[in-house]
């Protein structure tokens, strides 16, 4: 599903190149739950952003669902992002001015679904995540755990092929973190959603079926 070949990411620092990622080869199969770990500054988030089409590598090849991402037009990349990728962030990134219902509905508007299709999909997600009673609240009226539930509901609203999660429990206390990780596990086990998470937590990493460790921008073997 995902193939990275000889991926390099660097920044020009005067006459020198400061490498964030070097010589990354990685394959992720459909239906996997992969955890990416490593100390701060090891390149974890940069790798996730490249996988999620938020950043581009300087060198190397990225095949996503068999397509060479670097050869795609911006329009095609946006489509791919919209239709196949869900993103969950540590800082939730909900839209403050929108209610829970509207936040979850947002990606469906971009997909051009009819009003009735949107309504039924959002209702299904509100039910699945036990947040029906909060649908008219705004993000500021929710706890961190509830905001992250809404973030995940929004990420999977468009039935993506893969969810990329960047420290999804970083701002949560342990009970909320467990709830979020159990939810990811369920999505992966029951709905076969491919999940790639960046985490500092060894415990959270064990929810996945494979751990990739980065050190100084390299995959540690």
N, C-alpha and C. Protein backbone atom coordinates (compact mmCIF):
# COMPACT_ATOMS: atom_id res chain seq x y z
N UNK A 1 0.83 -1.21 0.00
CA UNK A 1 0.00 0.00 0.00
C UNK A 1 0.88 1.27 0.00
N UNK A 2 1.90 1.23 0.87
CA UNK A 2 2.84 2.35 0.97
C UNK A 2 4.25 1.82 0.76
N UNK A 3 4.98 2.44 -0.15
CA UNK A 3 6.37 2.06 -0.38
C UNK A 3 7.23 3.31 -0.45
N UNK A 4 8.21 3.38 0.43
CA UNK A 4 9.18 4.46 0.39
C UNK A 4 10.52 3.88 -0.04
N UNK A 5 11.16 4.54 -0.99
CA UNK A 5 12.45 4.07 -1.47
C UNK A 5 13.47 5.20 -1.42
N UNK A 6 14.51 4.99 -0.62
CA UNK A 6 15.63 5.95 -0.53
C UNK A 6 15.17 7.40 -0.36
N UNK A 7 14.33 7.58 0.67
CA UNK A 7 13.79 8.92 0.95
C UNK A 7 14.79 9.74 1.78
N UNK A 8 15.05 10.95 1.31
CA UNK A 8 15.89 11.89 2.04
C UNK A 8 15.13 13.19 2.22
N UNK A 9 15.26 13.77 3.40
CA UNK A 9 14.69 15.11 3.64
C UNK A 9 15.76 15.93 4.33
N UNK A 10 16.08 17.08 3.75
CA UNK A 10 17.12 17.92 4.37
C UNK A 10 16.78 19.39 4.18
N UNK A 11 17.43 20.20 4.99
CA UNK A 11 17.31 21.65 4.87
C UNK A 11 18.70 22.21 4.60
N UNK A 12 18.76 23.23 3.78
CA UNK A 12 20.07 23.85 3.51
C UNK A 12 20.43 24.76 4.67
N UNK A 13 21.58 24.46 5.25
CA UNK A 13 22.04 25.21 6.41
C UNK A 13 23.38 25.85 6.02
N UNK A 14 23.30 27.04 5.43
CA UNK A 14 24.52 27.63 4.87
C UNK A 14 24.95 26.79 3.68
N UNK A 15 26.21 26.35 3.70
CA UNK A 15 26.70 25.50 2.60
C UNK A 15 26.45 24.03 2.85
N UNK A 16 25.95 23.73 4.04
CA UNK A 16 25.77 22.32 4.40
C UNK A 16 24.31 21.92 4.34
N UNK A 17 24.07 20.63 4.19
CA UNK A 17 22.71 20.12 4.25
C UNK A 17 22.48 19.52 5.64
N UNK A 18 21.40 19.96 6.28
CA UNK A 18 21.05 19.37 7.58
C UNK A 18 19.99 18.30 7.31
N UNK A 19 20.37 17.04 7.47
CA UNK A 19 19.47 15.93 7.14
C UNK A 19 18.50 15.64 8.28
N UNK A 20 17.22 15.59 7.94
CA UNK A 20 16.19 15.20 8.91
C UNK A 20 15.89 13.71 8.75
N UNK A 21 15.87 13.24 7.49
CA UNK A 21 15.67 11.82 7.18
C UNK A 21 16.71 11.39 6.15
N UNK A 22 17.26 10.20 6.32
CA UNK A 22 18.26 9.70 5.37
C UNK A 22 17.99 8.25 5.00
N UNK A 23 17.97 7.99 3.69
CA UNK A 23 17.95 6.61 3.19
C UNK A 23 16.83 5.77 3.79
N UNK A 24 15.60 6.33 3.79
CA UNK A 24 14.47 5.62 4.38
C UNK A 24 13.84 4.68 3.34
N UNK A 25 13.88 3.39 3.64
CA UNK A 25 13.14 2.38 2.87
C UNK A 25 12.07 1.80 3.78
N UNK A 26 10.84 1.81 3.32
CA UNK A 26 9.75 1.36 4.20
C UNK A 26 8.59 0.85 3.37
N UNK A 27 8.04 -0.29 3.78
CA UNK A 27 6.82 -0.83 3.16
C UNK A 27 5.76 -1.00 4.24
N UNK A 28 4.57 -0.52 3.96
CA UNK A 28 3.45 -0.71 4.88
C UNK A 28 2.31 -1.33 4.09
N UNK A 29 1.85 -2.48 4.56
CA UNK A 29 0.79 -3.20 3.85
C UNK A 29 -0.58 -2.71 4.30
N UNK A 30 -1.56 -2.90 3.41
CA UNK A 30 -2.95 -2.58 3.75
C UNK A 30 -3.33 -3.36 5.00
N UNK A 31 -4.00 -2.67 5.94
CA UNK A 31 -4.49 -3.37 7.13
C UNK A 31 -3.49 -3.44 8.28
N UNK A 32 -2.29 -2.91 8.08
CA UNK A 32 -1.32 -2.91 9.17
C UNK A 32 -1.61 -1.79 10.16
N UNK A 33 -1.08 -1.94 11.37
CA UNK A 33 -1.12 -0.89 12.39
C UNK A 33 0.34 -0.70 12.82
N UNK A 34 0.95 0.36 12.33
CA UNK A 34 2.39 0.56 12.51
C UNK A 34 2.64 1.72 13.47
N UNK A 35 3.54 1.52 14.41
CA UNK A 35 3.94 2.58 15.34
C UNK A 35 5.35 3.04 14.98
N UNK A 36 5.52 4.36 14.86
CA UNK A 36 6.84 4.93 14.60
C UNK A 36 7.33 5.58 15.88
N UNK A 37 8.50 5.14 16.35
CA UNK A 37 9.04 5.65 17.61
C UNK A 37 10.43 6.22 17.42
N UNK A 38 10.88 6.97 18.41
CA UNK A 38 12.23 7.52 18.37
C UNK A 38 12.30 8.76 19.23
N UNK A 39 13.50 9.15 19.64
CA UNK A 39 13.64 10.34 20.48
C UNK A 39 13.23 11.60 19.73
N UNK A 40 13.03 12.69 20.47
CA UNK A 40 12.72 13.97 19.84
C UNK A 40 13.81 14.32 18.85
N UNK A 41 13.40 14.85 17.69
CA UNK A 41 14.38 15.24 16.68
C UNK A 41 14.87 14.10 15.81
N UNK A 42 14.24 12.91 15.96
CA UNK A 42 14.70 11.76 15.15
C UNK A 42 14.07 11.74 13.76
N UNK A 43 13.09 12.63 13.52
CA UNK A 43 12.48 12.69 12.18
C UNK A 43 11.12 12.03 12.09
N UNK A 44 10.55 11.64 13.24
CA UNK A 44 9.26 10.91 13.24
C UNK A 44 8.13 11.71 12.56
N UNK A 45 7.95 12.94 13.03
CA UNK A 45 6.83 13.74 12.49
C UNK A 45 7.05 14.08 11.03
N UNK A 46 8.32 14.35 10.65
CA UNK A 46 8.62 14.63 9.24
C UNK A 46 8.26 13.44 8.37
N UNK A 47 8.61 12.24 8.85
CA UNK A 47 8.28 11.02 8.10
C UNK A 47 6.77 10.88 7.95
N UNK A 48 6.04 11.12 9.04
CA UNK A 48 4.58 11.01 9.00
C UNK A 48 3.99 12.04 8.04
N UNK A 49 4.55 13.25 8.05
CA UNK A 49 4.04 14.30 7.15
C UNK A 49 4.32 13.98 5.69
N UNK A 50 5.44 13.34 5.42
CA UNK A 50 5.72 12.89 4.04
C UNK A 50 4.73 11.81 3.64
N UNK A 51 4.50 10.85 4.54
CA UNK A 51 3.54 9.78 4.26
C UNK A 51 2.14 10.35 4.02
N UNK A 52 1.79 11.38 4.79
CA UNK A 52 0.45 11.97 4.69
C UNK A 52 0.33 13.07 3.65
N UNK A 53 1.36 13.22 2.81
CA UNK A 53 1.38 14.20 1.71
C UNK A 53 1.34 15.65 2.19
N UNK A 54 1.76 15.88 3.43
CA UNK A 54 1.82 17.25 3.94
C UNK A 54 3.18 17.88 3.65
N UNK A 55 4.18 17.03 3.42
CA UNK A 55 5.52 17.52 3.05
C UNK A 55 6.05 16.65 1.93
N UNK A 56 7.02 17.18 1.21
CA UNK A 56 7.63 16.38 0.14
C UNK A 56 9.08 16.09 0.48
N UNK A 57 9.56 14.89 0.14
CA UNK A 57 10.98 14.61 0.36
C UNK A 57 11.83 15.34 -0.69
N UNK A 58 13.12 15.53 -0.38
CA UNK A 58 14.03 16.13 -1.37
C UNK A 58 14.46 15.10 -2.40
N UNK A 59 14.59 13.86 -1.95
CA UNK A 59 15.00 12.78 -2.86
C UNK A 59 14.22 11.52 -2.50
N UNK A 60 14.16 10.62 -3.48
CA UNK A 60 13.55 9.32 -3.23
C UNK A 60 12.18 9.20 -3.87
N UNK A 61 11.61 8.02 -3.72
CA UNK A 61 10.35 7.69 -4.38
C UNK A 61 9.33 7.24 -3.34
N UNK A 62 8.11 7.76 -3.49
CA UNK A 62 7.02 7.39 -2.59
C UNK A 62 5.87 6.87 -3.45
N UNK A 63 5.56 5.59 -3.28
CA UNK A 63 4.40 4.99 -3.96
C UNK A 63 3.27 4.83 -2.96
N UNK A 64 2.12 5.41 -3.25
CA UNK A 64 0.94 5.30 -2.40
C UNK A 64 -0.17 4.68 -3.23
N UNK A 65 -0.64 3.52 -2.81
CA UNK A 65 -1.65 2.78 -3.59
C UNK A 65 -1.20 2.60 -5.04
N UNK A 66 0.10 2.35 -5.20
CA UNK A 66 0.64 2.08 -6.53
C UNK A 66 0.97 3.30 -7.37
N UNK A 67 0.65 4.49 -6.86
CA UNK A 67 0.92 5.71 -7.63
C UNK A 67 2.18 6.39 -7.11
N UNK A 68 3.01 6.84 -8.03
CA UNK A 68 4.21 7.57 -7.65
C UNK A 68 3.82 9.01 -7.29
N UNK A 69 3.82 9.29 -5.98
CA UNK A 69 3.30 10.56 -5.48
C UNK A 69 4.03 11.76 -6.08
N UNK A 70 5.35 11.65 -6.26
CA UNK A 70 6.11 12.81 -6.74
C UNK A 70 5.74 13.19 -8.17
N UNK A 71 5.11 12.28 -8.88
CA UNK A 71 4.74 12.60 -10.27
C UNK A 71 3.31 13.12 -10.40
N UNK A 72 2.60 13.17 -9.28
CA UNK A 72 1.20 13.60 -9.35
C UNK A 72 1.09 15.11 -9.37
N UNK A 73 0.06 15.61 -10.03
CA UNK A 73 -0.21 17.05 -10.01
C UNK A 73 -0.74 17.42 -8.62
N UNK A 74 -0.70 18.71 -8.29
CA UNK A 74 -1.22 19.16 -6.99
C UNK A 74 -2.70 18.77 -6.85
N UNK A 75 -3.43 18.88 -7.95
CA UNK A 75 -4.87 18.55 -7.93
C UNK A 75 -5.08 17.08 -7.56
N UNK A 76 -4.28 16.22 -8.20
CA UNK A 76 -4.39 14.78 -7.95
C UNK A 76 -3.99 14.45 -6.51
N UNK A 77 -2.93 15.14 -6.02
CA UNK A 77 -2.50 14.92 -4.63
C UNK A 77 -3.61 15.32 -3.65
N UNK A 78 -4.24 16.46 -3.93
CA UNK A 78 -5.33 16.91 -3.06
C UNK A 78 -6.46 15.89 -3.05
N UNK A 79 -6.78 15.35 -4.22
CA UNK A 79 -7.83 14.33 -4.32
C UNK A 79 -7.46 13.09 -3.51
N UNK A 80 -6.21 12.68 -3.66
CA UNK A 80 -5.73 11.50 -2.94
C UNK A 80 -5.83 11.73 -1.43
N UNK A 81 -5.41 12.92 -1.02
CA UNK A 81 -5.46 13.29 0.39
C UNK A 81 -6.89 13.26 0.91
N UNK A 82 -7.77 13.82 0.11
CA UNK A 82 -9.18 13.96 0.49
C UNK A 82 -9.89 12.61 0.57
N UNK A 83 -9.56 11.71 -0.36
CA UNK A 83 -10.32 10.47 -0.48
C UNK A 83 -9.69 9.27 0.22
N UNK A 84 -8.40 9.33 0.49
CA UNK A 84 -7.73 8.12 0.99
C UNK A 84 -7.04 8.27 2.33
N UNK A 85 -6.91 9.53 2.81
CA UNK A 85 -6.10 9.77 4.01
C UNK A 85 -6.90 10.49 5.09
N UNK A 86 -6.77 9.99 6.32
CA UNK A 86 -7.32 10.69 7.48
C UNK A 86 -6.16 11.07 8.39
N UNK A 87 -6.21 12.27 8.97
CA UNK A 87 -5.12 12.72 9.85
C UNK A 87 -5.65 13.00 11.24
N UNK A 88 -4.94 12.52 12.26
CA UNK A 88 -5.29 12.83 13.66
C UNK A 88 -4.07 13.47 14.29
N UNK A 89 -4.26 14.66 14.87
CA UNK A 89 -3.13 15.42 15.41
C UNK A 89 -3.16 15.44 16.94
N UNK A 90 -2.01 15.69 17.52
CA UNK A 90 -1.92 15.80 18.98
C UNK A 90 -2.78 16.97 19.48
N UNK A 91 -2.76 18.07 18.73
CA UNK A 91 -3.44 19.29 19.18
C UNK A 91 -4.89 19.38 18.67
N UNK A 92 -5.45 18.23 18.27
CA UNK A 92 -6.86 18.09 17.83
C UNK A 92 -7.17 18.81 16.52
N UNK A 93 -6.78 20.09 16.38
CA UNK A 93 -7.04 20.83 15.14
C UNK A 93 -8.51 20.85 14.73
N UNK A 94 -9.39 20.92 15.72
CA UNK A 94 -10.81 21.09 15.39
C UNK A 94 -11.04 22.57 15.04
N UNK A 95 -12.12 22.83 14.34
CA UNK A 95 -12.44 24.22 13.97
C UNK A 95 -13.32 24.81 15.07
N UNK A 96 -12.77 25.79 15.78
CA UNK A 96 -13.42 26.31 17.00
C UNK A 96 -14.83 26.84 16.76
N UNK A 97 -15.03 27.43 15.57
CA UNK A 97 -16.34 28.08 15.31
C UNK A 97 -17.41 27.07 14.90
N UNK A 98 -17.02 25.82 14.71
CA UNK A 98 -18.00 24.80 14.28
C UNK A 98 -18.37 23.87 15.42
N UNK A 99 -19.60 23.41 15.40
CA UNK A 99 -20.02 22.43 16.41
C UNK A 99 -19.37 21.07 16.13
N UNK A 100 -19.54 20.16 17.08
CA UNK A 100 -19.05 18.79 16.91
C UNK A 100 -19.60 18.20 15.60
N UNK A 101 -20.90 18.36 15.41
CA UNK A 101 -21.55 17.84 14.20
C UNK A 101 -20.89 18.42 12.94
N UNK A 102 -20.70 19.73 12.93
CA UNK A 102 -20.16 20.41 11.74
C UNK A 102 -18.69 20.04 11.50
N UNK A 103 -17.93 19.87 12.59
CA UNK A 103 -16.54 19.46 12.44
C UNK A 103 -16.45 18.09 11.75
N UNK A 104 -17.31 17.17 12.17
CA UNK A 104 -17.28 15.82 11.58
C UNK A 104 -17.76 15.86 10.13
N UNK A 105 -18.68 16.77 9.86
CA UNK A 105 -19.26 16.86 8.51
C UNK A 105 -18.30 17.47 7.49
N UNK A 106 -17.34 18.29 7.97
CA UNK A 106 -16.48 19.07 7.06
C UNK A 106 -15.85 18.25 5.92
N UNK A 107 -15.16 17.11 6.22
CA UNK A 107 -14.54 16.38 5.11
C UNK A 107 -15.56 15.85 4.10
N UNK A 108 -16.79 15.63 4.56
CA UNK A 108 -17.82 15.10 3.66
C UNK A 108 -18.28 16.18 2.67
N UNK A 109 -18.22 17.45 3.11
CA UNK A 109 -18.56 18.55 2.20
C UNK A 109 -17.56 18.59 1.06
N UNK A 110 -16.27 18.38 1.40
CA UNK A 110 -15.24 18.39 0.36
C UNK A 110 -15.41 17.24 -0.62
N UNK A 111 -16.00 16.15 -0.13
CA UNK A 111 -16.17 14.99 -1.02
C UNK A 111 -17.40 15.11 -1.90
N UNK A 112 -18.19 16.15 -1.63
CA UNK A 112 -19.35 16.38 -2.49
C UNK A 112 -20.51 15.42 -2.24
N UNK A 113 -20.62 14.92 -1.00
CA UNK A 113 -21.75 14.01 -0.69
C UNK A 113 -23.05 14.82 -0.57
N UNK A 114 -24.15 14.16 -0.86
CA UNK A 114 -25.45 14.83 -0.76
C UNK A 114 -25.76 15.07 0.72
N UNK A 115 -26.71 15.96 0.96
CA UNK A 115 -27.08 16.32 2.33
C UNK A 115 -27.53 15.09 3.13
N UNK A 116 -28.31 14.23 2.49
CA UNK A 116 -28.82 13.05 3.23
C UNK A 116 -27.70 12.05 3.52
N UNK A 117 -26.77 11.91 2.57
CA UNK A 117 -25.62 11.01 2.81
C UNK A 117 -24.76 11.54 3.96
N UNK A 118 -24.55 12.86 3.95
CA UNK A 118 -23.74 13.46 5.03
C UNK A 118 -24.42 13.24 6.38
N UNK A 119 -25.72 13.49 6.41
CA UNK A 119 -26.49 13.37 7.65
C UNK A 119 -26.38 11.95 8.22
N UNK A 120 -26.52 10.97 7.34
CA UNK A 120 -26.53 9.60 7.85
C UNK A 120 -25.13 9.17 8.29
N UNK A 121 -24.09 9.64 7.59
CA UNK A 121 -22.71 9.28 7.97
C UNK A 121 -22.34 9.93 9.31
N UNK A 122 -22.69 11.21 9.48
CA UNK A 122 -22.36 11.89 10.74
C UNK A 122 -23.13 11.25 11.89
N UNK A 123 -24.41 10.91 11.66
CA UNK A 123 -25.22 10.28 12.72
C UNK A 123 -24.59 8.94 13.15
N UNK A 124 -24.12 8.20 12.15
CA UNK A 124 -23.49 6.90 12.41
C UNK A 124 -22.22 7.07 13.28
N UNK A 125 -21.43 8.09 12.97
CA UNK A 125 -20.19 8.33 13.72
C UNK A 125 -20.47 8.86 15.12
N UNK A 126 -21.44 9.76 15.25
CA UNK A 126 -21.81 10.27 16.58
C UNK A 126 -22.22 9.11 17.48
N UNK A 127 -22.94 8.19 16.90
CA UNK A 127 -23.41 7.01 17.63
C UNK A 127 -22.23 6.10 17.99
N UNK A 128 -21.39 5.81 17.00
CA UNK A 128 -20.25 4.92 17.19
C UNK A 128 -19.32 5.43 18.30
N UNK A 129 -19.14 6.75 18.37
CA UNK A 129 -18.20 7.34 19.34
C UNK A 129 -18.89 7.83 20.62
N UNK A 130 -20.20 7.50 20.73
CA UNK A 130 -20.93 7.88 21.94
C UNK A 130 -20.93 9.38 22.22
N UNK A 131 -21.07 10.16 21.17
CA UNK A 131 -21.03 11.62 21.37
C UNK A 131 -22.28 12.30 20.79
N UNK A 132 -23.37 11.53 20.68
CA UNK A 132 -24.62 12.10 20.14
C UNK A 132 -25.06 13.29 20.98
N UNK A 133 -24.96 13.16 22.30
CA UNK A 133 -25.40 14.22 23.21
C UNK A 133 -24.55 15.48 23.13
N UNK A 134 -23.41 15.38 22.45
CA UNK A 134 -22.51 16.56 22.39
C UNK A 134 -22.47 17.19 21.00
N UNK A 135 -23.34 16.74 20.11
CA UNK A 135 -23.22 17.15 18.70
C UNK A 135 -23.35 18.65 18.48
N UNK A 136 -24.07 19.35 19.38
CA UNK A 136 -24.26 20.79 19.19
C UNK A 136 -23.29 21.63 20.02
N UNK A 137 -22.35 20.97 20.69
CA UNK A 137 -21.36 21.71 21.48
C UNK A 137 -20.20 22.15 20.59
N UNK A 138 -19.48 23.15 21.07
CA UNK A 138 -18.28 23.62 20.38
C UNK A 138 -17.05 23.00 21.04
N UNK A 139 -15.93 22.92 20.31
CA UNK A 139 -14.72 22.28 20.87
C UNK A 139 -14.34 22.79 22.26
N UNK A 140 -14.51 24.11 22.49
CA UNK A 140 -14.10 24.68 23.79
C UNK A 140 -14.95 24.14 24.95
N UNK A 141 -16.08 23.53 24.62
CA UNK A 141 -16.97 22.99 25.67
C UNK A 141 -16.68 21.51 25.96
N UNK A 142 -15.67 20.97 25.31
CA UNK A 142 -15.36 19.53 25.45
C UNK A 142 -14.05 19.33 26.20
N UNK A 143 -13.92 18.16 26.82
CA UNK A 143 -12.63 17.79 27.43
C UNK A 143 -11.66 17.41 26.31
N UNK A 144 -10.38 17.29 26.67
CA UNK A 144 -9.38 16.89 25.67
C UNK A 144 -9.71 15.57 25.02
N UNK A 145 -10.12 14.60 25.84
CA UNK A 145 -10.45 13.27 25.31
C UNK A 145 -11.61 13.33 24.33
N UNK A 146 -12.63 14.14 24.69
CA UNK A 146 -13.79 14.27 23.80
C UNK A 146 -13.39 14.97 22.49
N UNK A 147 -12.51 15.98 22.60
CA UNK A 147 -12.06 16.65 21.37
C UNK A 147 -11.32 15.67 20.46
N UNK A 148 -10.52 14.79 21.08
CA UNK A 148 -9.77 13.84 20.24
C UNK A 148 -10.71 12.81 19.62
N UNK A 149 -11.76 12.42 20.33
CA UNK A 149 -12.76 11.52 19.75
C UNK A 149 -13.38 12.16 18.50
N UNK A 150 -13.69 13.45 18.63
CA UNK A 150 -14.27 14.17 17.48
C UNK A 150 -13.25 14.23 16.35
N UNK A 151 -11.98 14.46 16.70
CA UNK A 151 -10.90 14.49 15.70
C UNK A 151 -10.81 13.17 14.94
N UNK A 152 -10.95 12.06 15.67
CA UNK A 152 -10.86 10.74 15.02
C UNK A 152 -12.12 10.49 14.17
N UNK A 153 -13.27 10.87 14.72
CA UNK A 153 -14.52 10.71 13.94
C UNK A 153 -14.41 11.48 12.62
N UNK A 154 -13.86 12.69 12.71
CA UNK A 154 -13.69 13.50 11.49
C UNK A 154 -12.69 12.83 10.54
N UNK A 155 -11.61 12.27 11.10
CA UNK A 155 -10.58 11.64 10.26
C UNK A 155 -11.13 10.44 9.49
N UNK A 156 -12.07 9.70 10.10
CA UNK A 156 -12.56 8.50 9.40
C UNK A 156 -13.89 8.74 8.68
N UNK A 157 -14.40 9.97 8.76
CA UNK A 157 -15.71 10.26 8.16
C UNK A 157 -15.76 9.88 6.68
N UNK A 158 -14.68 10.18 5.97
CA UNK A 158 -14.67 9.93 4.53
C UNK A 158 -14.20 8.54 4.15
N UNK A 159 -14.20 7.60 5.13
CA UNK A 159 -13.74 6.22 4.88
C UNK A 159 -12.35 6.17 4.23
N UNK A 160 -11.35 6.75 4.90
CA UNK A 160 -10.01 6.75 4.30
C UNK A 160 -9.41 5.35 4.29
N UNK A 161 -8.41 5.17 3.42
CA UNK A 161 -7.70 3.88 3.38
C UNK A 161 -6.70 3.79 4.53
N UNK A 162 -6.22 4.97 4.98
CA UNK A 162 -5.19 4.98 6.02
C UNK A 162 -5.39 6.19 6.93
N UNK A 163 -5.12 5.97 8.22
CA UNK A 163 -5.12 7.08 9.17
C UNK A 163 -3.69 7.30 9.64
N UNK A 164 -3.24 8.54 9.56
CA UNK A 164 -1.94 8.92 10.11
C UNK A 164 -2.21 9.69 11.40
N UNK A 165 -1.62 9.23 12.49
CA UNK A 165 -1.87 9.85 13.81
C UNK A 165 -0.55 10.33 14.41
N UNK A 166 -0.47 11.63 14.71
CA UNK A 166 0.76 12.21 15.24
C UNK A 166 0.59 12.44 16.74
N UNK A 167 1.19 11.58 17.57
CA UNK A 167 1.06 11.65 19.03
C UNK A 167 -0.41 11.85 19.43
N UNK A 168 -1.30 10.93 19.02
CA UNK A 168 -2.74 11.17 19.21
C UNK A 168 -3.18 11.27 20.66
N UNK A 169 -2.37 10.74 21.59
CA UNK A 169 -2.77 10.81 23.01
C UNK A 169 -1.84 11.72 23.80
N UNK A 170 -1.01 12.50 23.10
CA UNK A 170 0.02 13.33 23.75
C UNK A 170 -0.54 14.31 24.78
N UNK A 171 -1.77 14.79 24.58
CA UNK A 171 -2.33 15.79 25.51
C UNK A 171 -3.39 15.20 26.45
N UNK A 172 -3.45 13.88 26.53
CA UNK A 172 -4.55 13.26 27.30
C UNK A 172 -4.03 12.55 28.55
N UNK A 173 -4.90 12.46 29.57
CA UNK A 173 -4.49 11.66 30.72
C UNK A 173 -4.70 10.18 30.40
N UNK A 174 -4.21 9.31 31.27
CA UNK A 174 -4.07 7.88 30.89
C UNK A 174 -5.38 7.19 30.54
N UNK A 175 -6.47 7.49 31.26
CA UNK A 175 -7.75 6.82 30.94
C UNK A 175 -8.22 7.21 29.55
N UNK A 176 -8.11 8.51 29.25
CA UNK A 176 -8.54 8.98 27.92
C UNK A 176 -7.63 8.39 26.84
N UNK A 177 -6.34 8.31 27.15
CA UNK A 177 -5.37 7.77 26.18
C UNK A 177 -5.71 6.32 25.86
N UNK A 178 -6.05 5.56 26.90
CA UNK A 178 -6.41 4.14 26.69
C UNK A 178 -7.64 4.03 25.80
N UNK A 179 -8.62 4.90 26.06
CA UNK A 179 -9.86 4.88 25.27
C UNK A 179 -9.55 5.13 23.78
N UNK A 180 -8.69 6.11 23.53
CA UNK A 180 -8.33 6.45 22.15
C UNK A 180 -7.58 5.29 21.48
N UNK A 181 -6.64 4.69 22.22
CA UNK A 181 -5.86 3.59 21.64
C UNK A 181 -6.73 2.36 21.37
N UNK A 182 -7.65 2.09 22.28
CA UNK A 182 -8.59 0.96 22.08
C UNK A 182 -9.44 1.20 20.82
N UNK A 183 -9.79 2.45 20.64
CA UNK A 183 -10.60 2.82 19.47
C UNK A 183 -9.82 2.58 18.17
N UNK A 184 -8.55 2.99 18.17
CA UNK A 184 -7.70 2.73 17.00
C UNK A 184 -7.60 1.23 16.73
N UNK A 185 -7.41 0.47 17.80
CA UNK A 185 -7.25 -0.99 17.67
C UNK A 185 -8.51 -1.58 17.02
N UNK A 186 -9.67 -1.10 17.49
CA UNK A 186 -10.94 -1.59 16.97
C UNK A 186 -11.10 -1.24 15.48
N UNK A 187 -10.76 0.00 15.14
CA UNK A 187 -10.85 0.42 13.73
C UNK A 187 -9.96 -0.45 12.86
N UNK A 188 -8.79 -0.79 13.39
CA UNK A 188 -7.84 -1.61 12.65
C UNK A 188 -8.31 -3.06 12.56
N UNK A 189 -8.74 -3.62 13.68
CA UNK A 189 -9.16 -5.03 13.72
C UNK A 189 -10.45 -5.27 12.96
N UNK A 190 -11.46 -4.43 13.25
CA UNK A 190 -12.79 -4.72 12.73
C UNK A 190 -13.05 -4.10 11.36
N UNK A 191 -12.47 -2.92 11.13
CA UNK A 191 -12.78 -2.24 9.86
C UNK A 191 -11.60 -2.22 8.91
N UNK A 192 -10.51 -2.86 9.37
CA UNK A 192 -9.32 -3.04 8.52
C UNK A 192 -8.73 -1.71 8.03
N UNK A 193 -8.91 -0.64 8.84
CA UNK A 193 -8.30 0.65 8.49
C UNK A 193 -6.80 0.55 8.79
N UNK A 194 -5.98 0.90 7.82
CA UNK A 194 -4.53 0.93 8.04
C UNK A 194 -4.22 2.14 8.92
N UNK A 195 -3.40 1.94 9.96
CA UNK A 195 -3.08 3.04 10.87
C UNK A 195 -1.56 3.15 11.02
N UNK A 196 -1.06 4.37 10.89
CA UNK A 196 0.35 4.65 11.15
C UNK A 196 0.39 5.75 12.20
N UNK A 197 0.93 5.42 13.37
CA UNK A 197 0.99 6.43 14.44
C UNK A 197 2.42 6.74 14.83
N UNK A 198 2.66 8.00 15.15
CA UNK A 198 3.91 8.42 15.78
C UNK A 198 3.62 8.51 17.27
N UNK A 199 4.45 7.89 18.09
CA UNK A 199 4.22 7.95 19.54
C UNK A 199 5.52 7.91 20.31
N UNK A 200 5.49 8.53 21.50
CA UNK A 200 6.63 8.44 22.43
C UNK A 200 6.41 7.28 23.40
N UNK A 201 5.16 6.79 23.43
CA UNK A 201 4.77 5.83 24.47
C UNK A 201 4.99 4.39 24.02
N UNK A 202 5.85 3.68 24.75
CA UNK A 202 6.08 2.25 24.46
C UNK A 202 4.76 1.48 24.58
N UNK A 203 3.95 1.87 25.56
CA UNK A 203 2.67 1.19 25.78
C UNK A 203 1.75 1.38 24.57
N UNK A 204 1.63 2.63 24.11
CA UNK A 204 0.76 2.89 22.94
C UNK A 204 1.29 2.17 21.70
N UNK A 205 2.61 2.09 21.60
CA UNK A 205 3.22 1.44 20.42
C UNK A 205 2.81 -0.02 20.33
N UNK A 206 2.58 -0.66 21.49
CA UNK A 206 2.26 -2.10 21.48
C UNK A 206 0.86 -2.37 20.91
N UNK A 207 0.04 -1.34 20.77
CA UNK A 207 -1.27 -1.56 20.14
C UNK A 207 -1.10 -1.90 18.66
N UNK A 208 0.01 -1.48 18.09
CA UNK A 208 0.27 -1.77 16.68
C UNK A 208 0.82 -3.17 16.51
N UNK A 209 0.94 -3.61 15.25
CA UNK A 209 1.51 -4.94 15.02
C UNK A 209 2.97 -4.86 14.58
N UNK A 210 3.51 -3.60 14.51
CA UNK A 210 4.91 -3.45 14.14
C UNK A 210 5.41 -2.10 14.63
N UNK A 211 6.65 -2.08 15.12
CA UNK A 211 7.25 -0.83 15.59
C UNK A 211 8.45 -0.51 14.70
N UNK A 212 8.48 0.72 14.19
CA UNK A 212 9.62 1.20 13.41
C UNK A 212 10.32 2.25 14.26
N UNK A 213 11.59 2.04 14.52
CA UNK A 213 12.33 2.98 15.38
C UNK A 213 13.25 3.84 14.52
N UNK A 214 13.16 5.15 14.76
CA UNK A 214 14.03 6.09 14.05
C UNK A 214 15.08 6.62 15.01
N UNK A 215 16.26 6.81 14.50
CA UNK A 215 17.32 7.44 15.29
C UNK A 215 18.15 8.31 14.34
N UNK A 216 18.25 9.60 14.67
CA UNK A 216 19.02 10.53 13.84
C UNK A 216 18.63 10.46 12.36
N UNK A 217 17.32 10.35 12.12
CA UNK A 217 16.83 10.35 10.73
C UNK A 217 16.98 9.05 9.97
N UNK A 218 17.46 8.02 10.66
CA UNK A 218 17.64 6.70 10.02
C UNK A 218 16.72 5.69 10.69
N UNK A 219 16.32 4.67 9.93
CA UNK A 219 15.58 3.57 10.56
C UNK A 219 16.61 2.69 11.27
N UNK A 220 16.38 2.49 12.57
CA UNK A 220 17.31 1.67 13.36
C UNK A 220 17.00 0.21 13.14
N UNK A 221 18.01 -0.57 12.78
CA UNK A 221 17.80 -2.00 12.53
C UNK A 221 18.40 -2.83 13.65
